[in-house]
Amino acid sequence: MNQARVYKELLDSLEIDKVIMLAVSAGGAPAIQFARKYPERAQSLIMVGSGSPSQEEIEGPTGPPNLVLNGVMFRIVLFKPFRGIMRSSLFGIEKETFKSASPEEKAALEKIFDTLLPVGPKKPGIINDKNITNVDMVENYDKYKLEDTDTCVSY
């Protein structure tokens, strides 16, 4: 996966030797590849709301429905009254967890929602994640085994 190589090149250019990786959503697949290919550069890997390597057949969608990728629909689902559903389905944050979060944590999550718009420039990447990245850990399971690395992984 080219993204792992690009991560390494970015770290090289920034002169950063080792990182703790936080992989969110479709970022899990390239982060695992980075940890496998460059274990000396990955201190640990934390995956949040991401798929994980599996040998089980994929059931259900591997990304947002095409209707949601429509800019108008995405604006509607991100409209304040629907954000609770999106917090749960998109980020895996349950209602009670969000209620108990600090005002700063809530504000940070709201900022993340705001960065999701406009969806237009992100659409090609989202479609790539949906059709390729999100299914690669199942279709090419052996390329994602972490047992042979010292990188700490949290699912």
Protein backbone atom coordinates (compact mmCIF):
# COMPACT_ATOMS: atom_id res chain seq x y z
CA MET A 1 0.00 0.00 0.00
CA ASN A 2 1.56 3.26 -1.15
CA GLN A 3 0.19 5.26 1.79
CA ALA A 4 2.56 3.48 4.19
CA ARG A 5 5.53 4.50 2.05
CA VAL A 6 4.26 8.08 1.91
CA TYR A 7 3.97 8.15 5.72
CA LYS A 8 7.61 7.05 5.93
CA GLU A 9 8.71 9.69 3.43
CA LEU A 10 6.83 12.37 5.38
CA LEU A 11 8.52 11.32 8.63
CA ASP A 12 11.89 11.32 6.86
CA SER A 13 11.34 14.85 5.58
CA LEU A 14 10.25 16.02 9.04
CA GLU A 15 13.21 14.19 10.61
CA ILE A 16 10.96 12.20 12.95
CA ASP A 17 12.39 8.81 13.88
CA LYS A 18 9.50 7.08 15.62
CA VAL A 19 5.77 7.72 16.04
CA ILE A 20 2.73 6.61 17.92
CA MET A 21 0.14 6.13 15.21
CA LEU A 22 -3.54 6.88 15.68
CA ALA A 23 -5.54 5.34 12.86
CA VAL A 24 -9.16 6.33 12.46
CA SER A 25 -11.72 4.76 10.13
CA ALA A 26 -10.16 3.77 6.80
CA GLY A 27 -6.75 4.91 8.08
CA GLY A 28 -6.39 1.51 9.79
CA ALA A 29 -5.25 -0.38 6.71
CA PRO A 30 -2.36 1.94 5.74
CA ALA A 31 -1.36 2.34 9.40
CA ILE A 32 -1.09 -1.43 9.81
CA GLN A 33 0.97 -1.60 6.62
CA PHE A 34 3.25 1.13 7.97
CA ALA A 35 3.72 -0.78 11.25
CA ARG A 36 4.51 -3.97 9.33
CA LYS A 37 6.89 -2.45 6.78
CA TYR A 38 8.62 0.00 9.12
CA PRO A 39 8.36 -1.48 12.63
CA GLU A 40 11.41 0.50 13.75
CA ARG A 41 9.42 3.69 13.03
CA ALA A 42 6.16 2.69 14.75
CA GLN A 43 6.30 2.76 18.53
CA SER A 44 2.64 1.78 18.77
CA LEU A 45 -0.56 1.73 16.77
CA ILE A 46 -3.96 2.70 18.11
CA MET A 47 -6.99 2.04 15.93
CA VAL A 48 -10.25 3.88 16.56
CA GLY A 49 -13.43 3.11 14.65
CA SER A 50 -11.42 1.23 12.07
CA GLY A 51 -11.82 -2.11 10.44
CA SER A 52 -9.35 -4.74 11.49
CA PRO A 53 -7.80 -7.72 9.75
CA SER A 54 -10.29 -10.54 9.41
CA GLN A 55 -10.69 -13.78 7.54
CA GLU A 56 -14.46 -13.54 7.73
CA GLU A 57 -16.47 -12.63 4.67
CA ILE A 58 -17.55 -8.99 4.52
CA GLU A 59 -21.20 -8.46 5.33
CA GLY A 60 -22.90 -5.12 4.83
CA PRO A 61 -21.58 -1.80 3.61
CA THR A 62 -17.89 -0.92 3.72
CA GLY A 63 -18.48 2.81 3.76
CA PRO A 64 -21.16 5.45 3.63
CA PRO A 65 -24.03 4.95 1.19
CA ASN A 66 -23.68 6.86 -2.07
CA LEU A 67 -26.68 9.00 -1.10
CA VAL A 68 -24.74 10.31 1.91
CA LEU A 69 -21.86 11.29 -0.38
CA ASN A 70 -24.17 13.82 -1.97
CA GLY A 71 -23.15 17.18 -0.50
CA VAL A 72 -26.73 18.16 0.36
CA MET A 73 -27.45 14.83 2.10
CA PHE A 74 -24.19 15.04 4.03
CA ARG A 75 -25.14 18.51 5.24
CA ILE A 76 -28.48 17.13 6.41
CA VAL A 77 -26.96 14.19 8.33
CA LEU A 78 -24.47 16.56 9.95
CA PHE A 79 -27.25 18.97 10.92
CA LYS A 80 -27.19 19.37 14.71
CA PRO A 81 -30.30 17.23 15.48
CA PHE A 82 -28.75 14.25 13.65
CA ARG A 83 -25.25 14.51 15.09
CA GLY A 84 -26.05 12.06 17.90
CA ILE A 85 -26.74 9.36 15.31
CA MET A 86 -23.57 10.29 13.44
CA ARG A 87 -21.48 10.26 16.64
CA SER A 88 -22.64 6.72 17.28
CA SER A 89 -22.53 5.31 13.75
CA LEU A 90 -19.50 7.17 12.39
CA PHE A 91 -17.29 7.44 15.48
CA GLY A 92 -18.71 4.74 17.77
CA ILE A 93 -19.40 7.27 20.55
CA GLU A 94 -22.48 6.28 22.50
CA LYS A 95 -24.96 8.86 23.79
CA GLU A 96 -24.02 8.38 27.47
CA THR A 97 -20.30 8.66 26.72
CA PHE A 98 -20.87 11.94 24.89
CA LYS A 99 -23.06 13.27 27.71
CA SER A 100 -20.31 12.63 30.25
CA ALA A 101 -17.59 14.26 28.11
CA SER A 102 -16.10 17.58 29.14
CA PRO A 103 -17.13 20.75 27.28
CA GLU A 104 -13.67 20.80 25.69
CA GLU A 105 -14.04 17.22 24.43
CA LYS A 106 -17.49 17.98 23.03
CA ALA A 107 -16.18 21.10 21.29
CA ALA A 108 -13.30 19.11 19.77
CA LEU A 109 -15.75 16.56 18.35
CA GLU A 110 -17.92 19.33 16.93
CA LYS A 111 -14.83 20.73 15.17
CA ILE A 112 -14.26 17.32 13.59
CA PHE A 113 -17.81 17.33 12.26
CA ASP A 114 -17.25 20.78 10.81
CA THR A 115 -14.16 19.55 8.91
CA LEU A 116 -16.26 16.91 7.13
CA LEU A 117 -17.80 19.60 4.94
CA PRO A 118 -17.67 20.27 2.09
CA VAL A 119 -17.77 16.63 1.07
CA GLY A 120 -17.13 17.25 -2.65
CA PRO A 121 -13.31 17.41 -2.52
CA LYS A 122 -13.24 14.34 -0.25
CA LYS A 123 -15.58 12.20 -2.36
CA PRO A 124 -12.92 10.42 -4.49
CA GLY A 125 -11.00 9.44 -1.33
CA ILE A 126 -14.15 8.25 0.44
CA ILE A 127 -15.10 6.11 -2.57
CA ASN A 128 -11.54 4.70 -2.66
CA ASP A 129 -11.77 3.84 1.04
CA LYS A 130 -15.19 2.26 0.57
CA ASN A 131 -14.23 0.11 -2.43
CA ILE A 132 -10.54 -0.64 -1.83
CA THR A 133 -9.03 0.32 1.53
CA ASN A 134 -11.85 -0.93 3.78
CA VAL A 135 -12.00 -4.35 2.11
CA ASP A 136 -8.26 -4.93 1.68
CA MET A 137 -7.76 -6.23 5.24
CA VAL A 138 -10.17 -9.07 4.45
CA GLU A 139 -9.26 -9.75 0.83
CA ASN A 140 -5.52 -9.72 1.61
CA TYR A 141 -5.60 -10.84 5.24
CA ASP A 142 -2.03 -12.21 5.26
CA LYS A 143 -0.62 -8.76 4.43
CA TYR A 144 -2.01 -7.41 7.71
CA LYS A 145 -0.79 -9.87 10.34
CA LEU A 146 0.96 -8.02 13.13
CA GLU A 147 2.13 -11.03 15.11
CA ASP A 148 5.60 -10.71 13.62
CA THR A 149 6.11 -7.11 14.77
CA ASP A 150 6.80 -5.59 18.18
CA THR A 151 4.29 -2.82 17.58
CA CYS A 152 1.58 -2.58 20.22
CA VAL A 153 -1.87 -2.64 18.63
CA SER A 154 -5.18 -1.70 20.22
CA TYR A 155 -8.49 -2.51 18.53
